C-alpha atoms as a PDB file:
ATOM      1  CA  MET A   1     -21.755   5.686  24.766  1.00  0.00           C
ATOM      2  CA  GLU A   2     -21.770   6.343  21.036  1.00  0.00           C
ATOM      3  CA  THR A   3     -21.600   3.392  18.656  1.00  0.00           C
ATOM      4  CA  VAL A   4     -20.113   3.371  15.178  1.00  0.00           C
ATOM      5  CA  PRO A   5     -21.829   1.328  12.455  1.00  0.00           C
ATOM      6  CA  THR A   6     -19.703  -1.718  11.677  1.00  0.00           C
ATOM      7  CA  GLU A   7     -19.673  -1.067   7.931  1.00  0.00           C
ATOM      8  CA  THR A   8     -17.710   2.159   8.498  1.00  0.00           C
ATOM      9  CA  VAL A   9     -15.062   0.626  10.773  1.00  0.00           C
ATOM     10  CA  ALA A  10     -11.886  -0.045   8.801  1.00  0.00           C
ATOM     11  CA  MET A  11      -9.870  -3.120   9.650  1.00  0.00           C
ATOM     12  CA  ASP A  12      -6.429  -2.129  10.823  1.00  0.00           C
ATOM     13  CA  PRO A  13      -3.571  -3.602   8.823  1.00  0.00           C
ATOM     14  CA  ILE A  14      -1.320  -6.130  10.524  1.00  0.00           C
ATOM     15  CA  SER A  15       2.403  -6.708  10.072  1.00  0.00           C
ATOM     16  CA  ILE A  16       3.618 -10.185   9.191  1.00  0.00           C
ATOM     17  CA  THR A  17       6.943 -11.527   7.960  1.00  0.00           C
ATOM     18  CA  VAL A  18       6.909 -13.204   4.548  1.00  0.00           C
ATOM     19  CA  ASN A  19      10.117 -14.833   3.314  1.00  0.00           C
ATOM     20  CA  GLY A  20      12.130 -12.695   5.732  1.00  0.00           C
ATOM     21  CA  GLU A  21      10.487  -9.404   4.669  1.00  0.00           C
ATOM     22  CA  LEU A  22       8.103  -7.370   6.821  1.00  0.00           C
ATOM     23  CA  ARG A  23       4.788  -7.001   4.965  1.00  0.00           C
ATOM     24  CA  GLN A  24       1.370  -5.592   5.778  1.00  0.00           C
ATOM     25  CA  CYS A  25      -2.045  -7.035   5.029  1.00  0.00           C
ATOM     26  CA  PRO A  26      -5.601  -6.468   6.254  1.00  0.00           C
ATOM     27  CA  SER A  27      -6.489  -8.043   9.588  1.00  0.00           C
ATOM     28  CA  GLY A  28      -9.124 -10.737   9.896  1.00  0.00           C
ATOM     29  CA  LEU A  29      -8.034 -12.814   6.886  1.00  0.00           C
ATOM     30  CA  THR A  30      -7.344 -16.510   6.594  1.00  0.00           C
ATOM     31  CA  LEU A  31      -4.175 -17.854   5.013  1.00  0.00           C
ATOM     32  CA  PRO A  32      -5.505 -18.253   1.433  1.00  0.00           C
ATOM     33  CA  ALA A  33      -6.826 -14.676   1.435  1.00  0.00           C
ATOM     34  CA  VAL A  34      -3.506 -13.328   2.729  1.00  0.00           C
ATOM     35  CA  LEU A  35      -1.618 -15.239   0.031  1.00  0.00           C
ATOM     36  CA  GLU A  36      -3.860 -13.721  -2.634  1.00  0.00           C
ATOM     37  CA  GLN A  37      -3.440 -10.232  -1.111  1.00  0.00           C
ATOM     38  CA  LEU A  38       0.327 -10.706  -1.401  1.00  0.00           C
ATOM     39  CA  GLY A  39       0.080 -11.731  -5.058  1.00  0.00           C
ATOM     40  CA  TYR A  40       0.525 -15.487  -4.721  1.00  0.00           C
ATOM     41  CA  ARG A  41      -1.632 -18.147  -6.321  1.00  0.00           C
ATOM     42  CA  PRO A  42      -2.440 -20.368  -3.309  1.00  0.00           C
ATOM     43  CA  GLN A  43      -2.745 -23.507  -5.431  1.00  0.00           C
ATOM     44  CA  LEU A  44       0.898 -23.079  -6.550  1.00  0.00           C
ATOM     45  CA  VAL A  45       2.656 -22.590  -3.212  1.00  0.00           C
ATOM     46  CA  VAL A  46       3.746 -24.473  -0.121  1.00  0.00           C
ATOM     47  CA  VAL A  47       3.635 -22.544   3.161  1.00  0.00           C
ATOM     48  CA  GLU A  48       5.659 -22.835   6.335  1.00  0.00           C
ATOM     49  CA  PHE A  49       3.520 -21.079   8.937  1.00  0.00           C
ATOM     50  CA  ASN A  50       5.329 -20.013  12.122  1.00  0.00           C
ATOM     51  CA  GLY A  51       7.950 -22.714  11.602  1.00  0.00           C
ATOM     52  CA  THR A  52       5.616 -25.579  10.629  1.00  0.00           C
ATOM     53  CA  ILE A  53       4.639 -26.805   7.175  1.00  0.00           C
ATOM     54  CA  LEU A  54       0.891 -26.252   7.244  1.00  0.00           C
ATOM     55  CA  PRO A  55      -1.187 -28.931   5.480  1.00  0.00           C
ATOM     56  CA  ARG A  56      -3.250 -27.398   2.685  1.00  0.00           C
ATOM     57  CA  GLN A  57      -6.533 -28.744   4.139  1.00  0.00           C
ATOM     58  CA  GLN A  58      -5.978 -26.501   7.210  1.00  0.00           C
ATOM     59  CA  TRP A  59      -5.387 -23.267   5.289  1.00  0.00           C
ATOM     60  CA  ALA A  60      -9.030 -22.142   5.076  1.00  0.00           C
ATOM     61  CA  GLN A  61      -9.386 -22.302   8.878  1.00  0.00           C
ATOM     62  CA  GLN A  62      -6.014 -20.695   9.640  1.00  0.00           C
ATOM     63  CA  PRO A  63      -6.286 -17.032  10.643  1.00  0.00           C
ATOM     64  CA  VAL A  64      -3.256 -14.852  10.026  1.00  0.00           C
ATOM     65  CA  VAL A  65      -2.546 -12.446  12.872  1.00  0.00           C
ATOM     66  CA  GLU A  66       0.000  -9.793  13.838  1.00  0.00           C
ATOM     67  CA  SER A  67       3.619 -11.044  13.872  1.00  0.00           C
ATOM     68  CA  ASP A  68       2.958 -14.372  12.113  1.00  0.00           C
ATOM     69  CA  VAL A  69       5.882 -15.623  10.047  1.00  0.00           C
ATOM     70  CA  LEU A  70       5.311 -17.211   6.632  1.00  0.00           C
ATOM     71  CA  GLU A  71       7.834 -18.820   4.332  1.00  0.00           C
ATOM     72  CA  VAL A  72       6.191 -19.205   0.937  1.00  0.00           C
ATOM     73  CA  VAL A  73       7.737 -21.470  -1.688  1.00  0.00           C
ATOM     74  CA  THR A  74       6.367 -21.316  -5.224  1.00  0.00           C
ATOM     75  CA  ILE A  75       5.986 -24.617  -7.038  1.00  0.00           C
ATOM     76  CA  VAL A  76       7.580 -24.427 -10.470  1.00  0.00           C
ATOM     77  CA  GLY A  77       6.778 -27.020 -13.110  1.00  0.00           C
ATOM     78  CA  GLY A  78       8.872 -28.023 -16.032  1.00  0.00           C
ATOM     79  CA  GLY A  79      11.925 -30.037 -16.726  1.00  0.00           C
ATOM     80  CA  SER A  80      13.419 -31.831 -19.652  1.00  0.00           C
END
């Protein structure tokens, strides 16, 4: 059986739904990394992950896998 060095194996992209839109991102990432890949600043968003508001302290341990559903709300400051 022939083996392939791990550094040459590309991670397949996964499909997830973000704010109702099908998006792709690399597999094997945690939630903060996925948010950054999608162009969000993690410190400025709230995330509903598969129907549950996910506490920020759990984000770093939360893997994102095929078919996950994220609703991302951006926090906007300001006012008068």
